PDB file of N, CA and C in Angstrom:
ATOM      1  N   MET A   1     -61.401 -30.783  96.142  1.00  0.00           N
ATOM      2  CA  MET A   1     -61.914 -31.933  95.431  1.00  0.00           C
ATOM      3  C   MET A   1     -62.703 -32.792  96.310  1.00  0.00           C
ATOM      4  N   ILE A   2     -63.360 -33.189  95.767  1.00  0.00           N
ATOM      5  CA  ILE A   2     -64.159 -34.625  96.588  1.00  0.00           C
ATOM      6  C   ILE A   2     -64.257 -35.948  96.194  1.00  0.00           C
ATOM      7  N   LEU A   3     -63.758 -36.619  96.971  1.00  0.00           N
ATOM      8  CA  LEU A   3     -63.181 -38.000  96.417  1.00  0.00           C
ATOM      9  C   LEU A   3     -64.222 -39.264  97.183  1.00  0.00           C
ATOM     10  N   ARG A   4     -64.883 -39.482  96.462  1.00  0.00           N
ATOM     11  CA  ARG A   4     -66.008 -40.921  97.043  1.00  0.00           C
ATOM     12  C   ARG A   4     -65.461 -41.865  96.720  1.00  0.00           C
ATOM     13  N   LEU A   5     -65.103 -43.038  97.716  1.00  0.00           N
ATOM     14  CA  LEU A   5     -64.451 -44.125  98.117  1.00  0.00           C
ATOM     15  C   LEU A   5     -65.299 -45.030  98.405  1.00  0.00           C
ATOM     16  N   PRO A   6     -66.281 -45.854  97.513  1.00  0.00           N
ATOM     17  CA  PRO A   6     -67.320 -46.788  98.187  1.00  0.00           C
ATOM     18  C   PRO A   6     -66.564 -48.162  98.751  1.00  0.00           C
ATOM     19  N   VAL A   7     -65.394 -48.189  98.181  1.00  0.00           N
ATOM     20  CA  VAL A   7     -64.554 -49.714  98.863  1.00  0.00           C
ATOM     21  C   VAL A   7     -62.901 -49.274  98.737  1.00  0.00           C
ATOM     22  N   PHE A   8     -62.204 -50.220  99.058  1.00  0.00           N
ATOM     23  CA  PHE A   8     -60.699 -50.015  99.258  1.00  0.00           C
ATOM     24  C   PHE A   8     -60.289 -51.085  98.033  1.00  0.00           C
ATOM     25  N   PHE A   9     -60.660 -51.163  96.837  1.00  0.00           N
ATOM     26  CA  PHE A   9     -60.112 -52.096  96.158  1.00  0.00           C
ATOM     27  C   PHE A   9     -59.436 -51.191  94.962  1.00  0.00           C
ATOM     28  N   TYR A  10     -58.276 -51.138  94.678  1.00  0.00           N
ATOM     29  CA  TYR A  10     -57.913 -49.912  93.968  1.00  0.00           C
ATOM     30  C   TYR A  10     -56.367 -50.539  93.630  1.00  0.00           C
ATOM     31  N   THR A  11     -55.964 -50.011  92.192  1.00  0.00           N
ATOM     32  CA  THR A  11     -54.464 -50.753  92.139  1.00  0.00           C
ATOM     33  C   THR A  11     -53.629 -49.457  92.348  1.00  0.00           C
ATOM     34  N   PRO A  12     -52.404 -49.796  92.207  1.00  0.00           N
ATOM     35  CA  PRO A  12     -51.380 -48.750  92.475  1.00  0.00           C
ATOM     36  C   PRO A  12     -51.484 -47.423  91.529  1.00  0.00           C
ATOM     37  N   ALA A  13     -51.640 -48.098  90.534  1.00  0.00           N
ATOM     38  CA  ALA A  13     -51.954 -47.007  89.405  1.00  0.00           C
ATOM     39  C   ALA A  13     -53.016 -46.067  89.427  1.00  0.00           C
ATOM     40  N   GLU A  14     -54.058 -46.476  90.063  1.00  0.00           N
ATOM     41  CA  GLU A  14     -55.553 -45.793  90.126  1.00  0.00           C
ATOM     42  C   GLU A  14     -55.202 -44.834  91.604  1.00  0.00           C
ATOM     43  N   ILE A  15     -54.444 -45.276  92.585  1.00  0.00           N
ATOM     44  CA  ILE A  15     -54.147 -44.429  93.857  1.00  0.00           C
ATOM     45  C   ILE A  15     -53.294 -43.186  92.895  1.00  0.00           C
ATOM     46  N   GLU A  16     -52.354 -43.529  92.208  1.00  0.00           N
ATOM     47  CA  GLU A  16     -51.379 -42.671  91.868  1.00  0.00           C
ATOM     48  C   GLU A  16     -52.200 -41.364  90.565  1.00  0.00           C
ATOM     49  N   PHE A  17     -53.059 -41.812  90.123  1.00  0.00           N
ATOM     50  CA  PHE A  17     -54.013 -40.909  89.230  1.00  0.00           C
ATOM     51  C   PHE A  17     -54.815 -39.952  90.089  1.00  0.00           C
ATOM     52  N   ILE A  18     -55.344 -40.956  91.374  1.00  0.00           N
ATOM     53  CA  ILE A  18     -55.984 -39.991  92.460  1.00  0.00           C
ATOM     54  C   ILE A  18     -55.400 -38.860  92.946  1.00  0.00           C
ATOM     55  N   ILE A  19     -54.238 -39.273  93.503  1.00  0.00           N
ATOM     56  CA  ILE A  19     -53.298 -38.414  94.023  1.00  0.00           C
ATOM     57  C   ILE A  19     -52.983 -37.150  93.093  1.00  0.00           C
ATOM     58  N   GLY A  20     -52.431 -37.760  92.103  1.00  0.00           N
ATOM     59  CA  GLY A  20     -52.412 -36.615  90.732  1.00  0.00           C
ATOM     60  C   GLY A  20     -53.384 -35.515  90.793  1.00  0.00           C
ATOM     61  N   LYS A  21     -54.403 -36.207  90.776  1.00  0.00           N
ATOM     62  CA  LYS A  21     -55.615 -35.183  90.592  1.00  0.00           C
ATOM     63  C   LYS A  21     -55.877 -34.272  91.955  1.00  0.00           C
ATOM     64  N   ALA A  22     -55.998 -35.039  93.028  1.00  0.00           N
ATOM     65  CA  ALA A  22     -55.597 -34.281  94.183  1.00  0.00           C
ATOM     66  C   ALA A  22     -55.038 -33.243  94.464  1.00  0.00           C
ATOM     67  N   ARG A  23     -53.625 -33.621  93.811  1.00  0.00           N
ATOM     68  CA  ARG A  23     -52.557 -32.444  94.131  1.00  0.00           C
ATOM     69  C   ARG A  23     -52.751 -30.882  93.455  1.00  0.00           C
ATOM     70  N   LYS A  24     -53.631 -31.081  92.341  1.00  0.00           N
ATOM     71  CA  LYS A  24     -54.225 -29.937  91.781  1.00  0.00           C
ATOM     72  C   LYS A  24     -55.167 -28.715  92.623  1.00  0.00           C
ATOM     73  N   HIS A  25     -55.424 -29.372  93.671  1.00  0.00           N
ATOM     74  CA  HIS A  25     -56.672 -28.691  94.468  1.00  0.00           C
ATOM     75  C   HIS A  25     -55.721 -28.390  96.131  1.00  0.00           C
ATOM     76  N   SER A  26     -56.489 -27.458  96.794  1.00  0.00           N
ATOM     77  CA  SER A  26     -55.960 -26.821  97.893  1.00  0.00           C
ATOM     78  C   SER A  26     -56.791 -27.716  99.223  1.00  0.00           C
ATOM     79  N   ALA A  27     -57.692 -28.569  98.492  1.00  0.00           N
ATOM     80  CA  ALA A  27     -58.278 -29.280  99.692  1.00  0.00           C
ATOM     81  C   ALA A  27     -58.774 -30.637  99.275  1.00  0.00           C
ATOM     82  N   LEU A  28     -58.858 -31.682  99.995  1.00  0.00           N
ATOM     83  CA  LEU A  28     -59.493 -32.708  99.653  1.00  0.00           C
ATOM     84  C   LEU A  28     -60.450 -33.403 100.621  1.00  0.00           C
ATOM     85  N   ILE A  29     -61.615 -33.702 100.116  1.00  0.00           N
ATOM     86  CA  ILE A  29     -62.788 -34.333 100.897  1.00  0.00           C
ATOM     87  C   ILE A  29     -62.649 -35.876 100.660  1.00  0.00           C
ATOM     88  N   ILE A  30     -62.540 -36.989 101.679  1.00  0.00           N
ATOM     89  CA  ILE A  30     -62.716 -38.149 101.134  1.00  0.00           C
ATOM     90  C   ILE A  30     -63.557 -38.630 101.815  1.00  0.00           C
ATOM     91  N   ASP A  31     -64.374 -39.075 101.048  1.00  0.00           N
ATOM     92  CA  ASP A  31     -66.003 -39.656 101.619  1.00  0.00           C
ATOM     93  C   ASP A  31     -65.915 -41.083 101.585  1.00  0.00           C
ATOM     94  N   LEU A  32     -66.005 -41.446 102.984  1.00  0.00           N
ATOM     95  CA  LEU A  32     -65.810 -42.720 103.138  1.00  0.00           C
ATOM     96  C   LEU A  32     -67.349 -43.603 103.718  1.00  0.00           C
ATOM     97  N   ARG A  33     -68.213 -42.691 103.785  1.00  0.00           N
ATOM     98  CA  ARG A  33     -69.426 -42.857 104.167  1.00  0.00           C
ATOM     99  C   ARG A  33     -70.086 -44.325 103.275  1.00  0.00           C
ATOM    100  N   GLY A  34     -70.599 -45.229 104.283  1.00  0.00           N
ATOM    101  CA  GLY A  34     -70.844 -46.570 103.703  1.00  0.00           C
ATOM    102  C   GLY A  34     -69.861 -47.273 103.029  1.00  0.00           C
ATOM    103  N   ASN A  35     -68.536 -46.994 103.173  1.00  0.00           N
ATOM    104  CA  ASN A  35     -67.592 -47.640 102.722  1.00  0.00           C
ATOM    105  C   ASN A  35     -67.487 -48.910 103.607  1.00  0.00           C
ATOM    106  N   LEU A  36     -67.754 -50.313 102.932  1.00  0.00           N
ATOM    107  CA  LEU A  36     -67.260 -51.293 103.902  1.00  0.00           C
ATOM    108  C   LEU A  36     -65.961 -51.853 104.035  1.00  0.00           C
ATOM    109  N   GLY A  37     -65.295 -51.149 103.462  1.00  0.00           N
ATOM    110  CA  GLY A  37     -63.731 -51.407 103.514  1.00  0.00           C
ATOM    111  C   GLY A  37     -63.058 -52.092 102.505  1.00  0.00           C
ATOM    112  N   GLY A  38     -62.102 -53.078 102.807  1.00  0.00           N
ATOM    113  CA  GLY A  38     -61.460 -53.632 101.723  1.00  0.00           C
ATOM    114  C   GLY A  38     -59.871 -53.955 102.064  1.00  0.00           C
ATOM    115  N   SER A  39     -58.827 -53.689 101.152  1.00  0.00           N
ATOM    116  CA  SER A  39     -57.581 -53.964 101.153  1.00  0.00           C
ATOM    117  C   SER A  39     -56.952 -53.162 102.200  1.00  0.00           C
ATOM    118  N   VAL A  40     -56.296 -53.430 103.096  1.00  0.00           N
ATOM    119  CA  VAL A  40     -55.457 -52.575 104.045  1.00  0.00           C
ATOM    120  C   VAL A  40     -53.972 -52.165 103.488  1.00  0.00           C
ATOM    121  N   GLU A  41     -53.548 -53.108 102.299  1.00  0.00           N
ATOM    122  CA  GLU A  41     -52.584 -52.520 101.582  1.00  0.00           C
ATOM    123  C   GLU A  41     -52.863 -51.092 100.787  1.00  0.00           C
ATOM    124  N   VAL A  42     -53.941 -51.231 100.208  1.00  0.00           N
ATOM    125  CA  VAL A  42     -54.852 -50.240  99.379  1.00  0.00           C
ATOM    126  C   VAL A  42     -54.620 -48.880 100.013  1.00  0.00           C
ATOM    127  N   LEU A  43     -55.113 -48.872 101.412  1.00  0.00           N
ATOM    128  CA  LEU A  43     -55.396 -48.100 102.494  1.00  0.00           C
ATOM    129  C   LEU A  43     -53.998 -47.291 102.788  1.00  0.00           C
ATOM    130  N   SER A  44     -52.973 -48.320 103.099  1.00  0.00           N
ATOM    131  CA  SER A  44     -51.532 -48.067 103.355  1.00  0.00           C
ATOM    132  C   SER A  44     -50.827 -46.868 101.831  1.00  0.00           C
ATOM    133  N   LEU A  45     -51.160 -47.688 100.836  1.00  0.00           N
ATOM    134  CA  LEU A  45     -50.692 -46.683  99.584  1.00  0.00           C
ATOM    135  C   LEU A  45     -51.362 -45.371  99.570  1.00  0.00           C
ATOM    136  N   LEU A  46     -52.639 -45.448 100.079  1.00  0.00           N
ATOM    137  CA  LEU A  46     -53.366 -44.038  99.794  1.00  0.00           C
ATOM    138  C   LEU A  46     -52.958 -43.162 100.713  1.00  0.00           C
ATOM    139  N   LEU A  47     -52.535 -43.605 102.390  1.00  0.00           N
ATOM    140  CA  LEU A  47     -52.253 -42.933 103.613  1.00  0.00           C
ATOM    141  C   LEU A  47     -50.780 -42.488 103.376  1.00  0.00           C
ATOM    142  N   GLY A  48     -50.088 -43.470 102.362  1.00  0.00           N
ATOM    143  CA  GLY A  48     -48.679 -42.962 102.263  1.00  0.00           C
ATOM    144  C   GLY A  48     -48.640 -41.892 101.270  1.00  0.00           C
ATOM    145  N   ARG A  49     -49.643 -41.566 100.538  1.00  0.00           N
ATOM    146  CA  ARG A  49     -49.532 -40.535  99.463  1.00  0.00           C
ATOM    147  C   ARG A  49     -50.160 -39.217 100.332  1.00  0.00           C
ATOM    148  N   MET A  50     -51.033 -39.495 101.271  1.00  0.00           N
ATOM    149  CA  MET A  50     -51.253 -38.338 101.950  1.00  0.00           C
ATOM    150  C   MET A  50     -50.684 -37.428 102.827  1.00  0.00           C
ATOM    151  N   PHE A  51     -49.249 -38.012 103.538  1.00  0.00           N
ATOM    152  CA  PHE A  51     -48.480 -37.348 104.560  1.00  0.00           C
ATOM    153  C   PHE A  51     -47.016 -37.398 104.303  1.00  0.00           C
ATOM    154  N   ASN A  52     -46.355 -36.608 104.692  1.00  0.00           N
ATOM    155  CA  ASN A  52     -44.991 -36.533 104.384  1.00  0.00           C
ATOM    156  C   ASN A  52     -44.253 -37.226 105.415  1.00  0.00           C
ATOM    157  N   HIS A  53     -44.823 -37.862 106.244  1.00  0.00           N
ATOM    158  CA  HIS A  53     -44.375 -39.052 107.402  1.00  0.00           C
ATOM    159  C   HIS A  53     -45.184 -40.123 107.474  1.00  0.00           C
ATOM    160  N   GLU A  54     -44.350 -41.224 108.172  1.00  0.00           N
ATOM    161  CA  GLU A  54     -45.007 -42.364 108.382  1.00  0.00           C
ATOM    162  C   GLU A  54     -46.159 -42.227 109.306  1.00  0.00           C
ATOM    163  N   VAL A  55     -47.580 -43.004 109.044  1.00  0.00           N
ATOM    164  CA  VAL A  55     -48.673 -42.764 109.915  1.00  0.00           C
ATOM    165  C   VAL A  55     -48.891 -44.286 110.263  1.00  0.00           C
ATOM    166  N   LYS A  56     -49.045 -44.450 111.423  1.00  0.00           N
ATOM    167  CA  LYS A  56     -49.479 -45.850 112.384  1.00  0.00           C
ATOM    168  C   LYS A  56     -51.201 -45.977 112.008  1.00  0.00           C
ATOM    169  N   ILE A  57     -51.155 -47.097 111.101  1.00  0.00           N
ATOM    170  CA  ILE A  57     -52.914 -47.296 110.789  1.00  0.00           C
ATOM    171  C   ILE A  57     -53.397 -48.160 112.025  1.00  0.00           C
ATOM    172  N   ALA A  58     -52.660 -48.884 112.523  1.00  0.00           N
ATOM    173  CA  ALA A  58     -53.255 -49.951 113.382  1.00  0.00           C
ATOM    174  C   ALA A  58     -52.297 -50.731 114.481  1.00  0.00           C
ATOM    175  N   ASP A  59     -52.457 -51.671 115.050  1.00  0.00           N
ATOM    176  CA  ASP A  59     -51.570 -52.642 115.708  1.00  0.00           C
ATOM    177  C   ASP A  59     -52.497 -53.836 115.507  1.00  0.00           C
ATOM    178  N   ARG A  60     -51.933 -54.726 114.667  1.00  0.00           N
ATOM    179  CA  ARG A  60     -52.074 -56.053 114.326  1.00  0.00           C
ATOM    180  C   ARG A  60     -52.080 -56.812 115.482  1.00  0.00           C
ATOM    181  N   VAL A  61     -52.730 -57.467 116.082  1.00  0.00           N
ATOM    182  CA  VAL A  61     -52.608 -58.190 117.354  1.00  0.00           C
ATOM    183  C   VAL A  61     -53.127 -59.920 116.840  1.00  0.00           C
ATOM    184  N   GLY A  62     -51.821 -60.460 117.023  1.00  0.00           N
ATOM    185  CA  GLY A  62     -51.916 -62.101 116.732  1.00  0.00           C
ATOM    186  C   GLY A  62     -52.071 -63.005 118.064  1.00  0.00           C
ATOM    187  N   ARG A  63     -51.921 -64.189 118.021  1.00  0.00           N
ATOM    188  CA  ARG A  63     -52.011 -65.017 119.391  1.00  0.00           C
ATOM    189  C   ARG A  63     -50.872 -64.571 120.188  1.00  0.00           C
ATOM    190  N   SER A  64     -49.538 -64.559 119.872  1.00  0.00           N
ATOM    191  CA  SER A  64     -48.343 -64.166 120.383  1.00  0.00           C
ATOM    192  C   SER A  64     -47.311 -62.601 119.804  1.00  0.00           C
ATOM    193  N   VAL A  65     -48.233 -62.404 119.201  1.00  0.00           N
ATOM    194  CA  VAL A  65     -47.386 -61.147 118.513  1.00  0.00           C
ATOM    195  C   VAL A  65     -48.280 -59.874 118.224  1.00  0.00           C
ATOM    196  N   ARG A  66     -47.902 -58.730 118.451  1.00  0.00           N
ATOM    197  CA  ARG A  66     -48.608 -57.474 118.202  1.00  0.00           C
ATOM    198  C   ARG A  66     -47.626 -56.665 117.375  1.00  0.00           C
ATOM    199  N   SER A  67     -47.978 -56.436 116.118  1.00  0.00           N
ATOM    200  CA  SER A  67     -47.378 -55.616 115.199  1.00  0.00           C
ATOM    201  C   SER A  67     -47.781 -54.544 114.873  1.00  0.00           C
ATOM    202  N   PRO A  68     -46.937 -53.151 114.692  1.00  0.00           N
ATOM    203  CA  PRO A  68     -47.817 -52.045 114.235  1.00  0.00           C
ATOM    204  C   PRO A  68     -47.913 -52.089 112.524  1.00  0.00           C
ATOM    205  N   GLN A  69     -48.922 -51.910 111.993  1.00  0.00           N
ATOM    206  CA  GLN A  69     -49.144 -51.571 110.662  1.00  0.00           C
ATOM    207  C   GLN A  69     -48.806 -49.912 110.391  1.00  0.00           C
ATOM    208  N   ILE A  70     -47.714 -49.847 109.529  1.00  0.00           N
ATOM    209  CA  ILE A  70     -47.353 -48.446 109.271  1.00  0.00           C
ATOM    210  C   ILE A  70     -47.437 -48.140 107.857  1.00  0.00           C
ATOM    211  N   ALA A  71     -48.119 -46.728 107.376  1.00  0.00           N
ATOM    212  CA  ALA A  71     -48.235 -46.546 105.860  1.00  0.00           C
ATOM    213  C   ALA A  71     -46.898 -45.659 105.704  1.00  0.00           C
ATOM    214  N   LYS A  72     -45.777 -46.085 104.771  1.00  0.00           N
ATOM    215  CA  LYS A  72     -44.622 -45.415 104.696  1.00  0.00           C
ATOM    216  C   LYS A  72     -45.188 -44.317 103.437  1.00  0.00           C
ATOM    217  N   SER A  73     -44.602 -43.046 103.877  1.00  0.00           N
ATOM    218  CA  SER A  73     -44.825 -41.897 103.162  1.00  0.00           C
ATOM    219  C   SER A  73     -43.882 -41.760 101.710  1.00  0.00           C
ATOM    220  N   ALA A  74     -44.781 -41.434 100.583  1.00  0.00           N
ATOM    221  CA  ALA A  74     -44.180 -41.547  99.360  1.00  0.00           C
ATOM    222  C   ALA A  74     -44.251 -40.409  98.798  1.00  0.00           C
ATOM    223  N   SER A  75     -43.677 -39.931  97.916  1.00  0.00           N
ATOM    224  CA  SER A  75     -43.415 -38.829  97.159  1.00  0.00           C
ATOM    225  C   SER A  75     -44.088 -38.935  95.680  1.00  0.00           C
ATOM    226  N   PRO A  76     -44.526 -37.805  94.952  1.00  0.00           N
ATOM    227  CA  PRO A  76     -45.164 -36.859  95.608  1.00  0.00           C
ATOM    228  C   PRO A  76     -46.221 -36.989  96.376  1.00  0.00           C
ATOM    229  N   HIS A  77     -46.499 -36.238  97.599  1.00  0.00           N
ATOM    230  CA  HIS A  77     -47.675 -36.353  98.477  1.00  0.00           C
ATOM    231  C   HIS A  77     -48.528 -35.226  98.367  1.00  0.00           C
ATOM    232  N   PHE A  78     -50.012 -35.522  98.751  1.00  0.00           N
ATOM    233  CA  PHE A  78     -50.948 -34.234  98.929  1.00  0.00           C
ATOM    234  C   PHE A  78     -50.373 -33.540 100.026  1.00  0.00           C
ATOM    235  N   ASP A  79     -50.434 -32.230  99.739  1.00  0.00           N
ATOM    236  CA  ASP A  79     -50.187 -31.013 100.673  1.00  0.00           C
ATOM    237  C   ASP A  79     -51.001 -30.236 101.224  1.00  0.00           C
ATOM    238  N   GLY A  80     -52.440 -30.387 100.931  1.00  0.00           N
ATOM    239  CA  GLY A  80     -53.524 -29.511 101.003  1.00  0.00           C
ATOM    240  C   GLY A  80     -54.180 -29.968 102.168  1.00  0.00           C
ATOM    241  N   LYS A  81     -55.400 -29.276 102.543  1.00  0.00           N
ATOM    242  CA  LYS A  81     -56.157 -29.680 103.700  1.00  0.00           C
ATOM    243  C   LYS A  81     -56.663 -30.943 103.371  1.00  0.00           C
ATOM    244  N   LEU A  82     -57.058 -32.135 104.442  1.00  0.00           N
ATOM    245  CA  LEU A  82     -57.381 -33.029 104.136  1.00  0.00           C
ATOM    246  C   LEU A  82     -58.899 -33.171 105.065  1.00  0.00           C
ATOM    247  N   ILE A  83     -59.889 -33.510 104.850  1.00  0.00           N
ATOM    248  CA  ILE A  83     -61.127 -33.918 105.412  1.00  0.00           C
ATOM    249  C   ILE A  83     -61.715 -35.270 105.375  1.00  0.00           C
ATOM    250  N   VAL A  84     -62.139 -35.927 106.257  1.00  0.00           N
ATOM    251  CA  VAL A  84     -62.387 -37.349 105.821  1.00  0.00           C
ATOM    252  C   VAL A  84     -63.847 -37.721 106.525  1.00  0.00           C
ATOM    253  N   LEU A  85     -64.999 -38.318 105.619  1.00  0.00           N
ATOM    254  CA  LEU A  85     -66.149 -38.427 106.151  1.00  0.00           C
ATOM    255  C   LEU A  85     -66.295 -39.720 106.494  1.00  0.00           C
ATOM    256  N   VAL A  86     -66.890 -40.088 107.653  1.00  0.00           N
ATOM    257  CA  VAL A  86     -66.940 -41.363 108.007  1.00  0.00           C
ATOM    258  C   VAL A  86     -68.471 -41.465 108.854  1.00  0.00           C
ATOM    259  N   ASP A  87     -69.343 -42.570 108.637  1.00  0.00           N
ATOM    260  CA  ASP A  87     -70.522 -42.889 109.139  1.00  0.00           C
ATOM    261  C   ASP A  87     -70.623 -44.190 109.733  1.00  0.00           C
ATOM    262  N   SER A  88     -71.644 -44.549 110.358  1.00  0.00           N
ATOM    263  CA  SER A  88     -71.931 -46.110 111.092  1.00  0.00           C
ATOM    264  C   SER A  88     -71.726 -47.036 110.045  1.00  0.00           C
ATOM    265  N   GLY A  89     -71.886 -46.635 108.644  1.00  0.00           N
ATOM    266  CA  GLY A  89     -71.567 -47.873 107.720  1.00  0.00           C
ATOM    267  C   GLY A  89     -70.199 -48.125 107.061  1.00  0.00           C
ATOM    268  N   SER A  90     -69.139 -47.090 107.716  1.00  0.00           N
ATOM    269  CA  SER A  90     -67.925 -46.909 107.531  1.00  0.00           C
ATOM    270  C   SER A  90     -66.977 -48.376 108.201  1.00  0.00           C
ATOM    271  N   ALA A  91     -66.672 -49.271 107.798  1.00  0.00           N
ATOM    272  CA  ALA A  91     -66.227 -50.412 108.523  1.00  0.00           C
ATOM    273  C   ALA A  91     -64.740 -50.837 107.928  1.00  0.00           C
ATOM    274  N   SER A  92     -64.179 -51.716 108.474  1.00  0.00           N
ATOM    275  CA  SER A  92     -62.740 -52.311 108.183  1.00  0.00           C
ATOM    276  C   SER A  92     -61.918 -51.151 107.627  1.00  0.00           C
ATOM    277  N   ALA A  93     -60.995 -51.155 106.542  1.00  0.00           N
ATOM    278  CA  ALA A  93     -60.132 -50.409 106.116  1.00  0.00           C
ATOM    279  C   ALA A  93     -60.567 -48.969 106.082  1.00  0.00           C
ATOM    280  N   ALA A  94     -61.747 -48.704 105.929  1.00  0.00           N
ATOM    281  CA  ALA A  94     -62.626 -47.511 105.949  1.00  0.00           C
ATOM    282  C   ALA A  94     -62.256 -46.740 107.335  1.00  0.00           C
TER     283      ALA A  94
END
């Protein structure tokens, strides 16, 4: 399955729908080329459905605090091969 994500602005229901469709395939290509980013919360939801374990997204660095941003695993998750396409236009959450 090829999934083109031009931005990261989706509802939890839309993420559930995407993962439901992807689970019917043995491989998923996520095309983030030209994706200018969007919601880190949506990125976290999507990543949580891609892996059967927690995934560290980044370290958020503030003036006095550094805190990891973690995508928590959720079931059912995608079990197939995952390929992610990025380019120089992929930014932010992409």
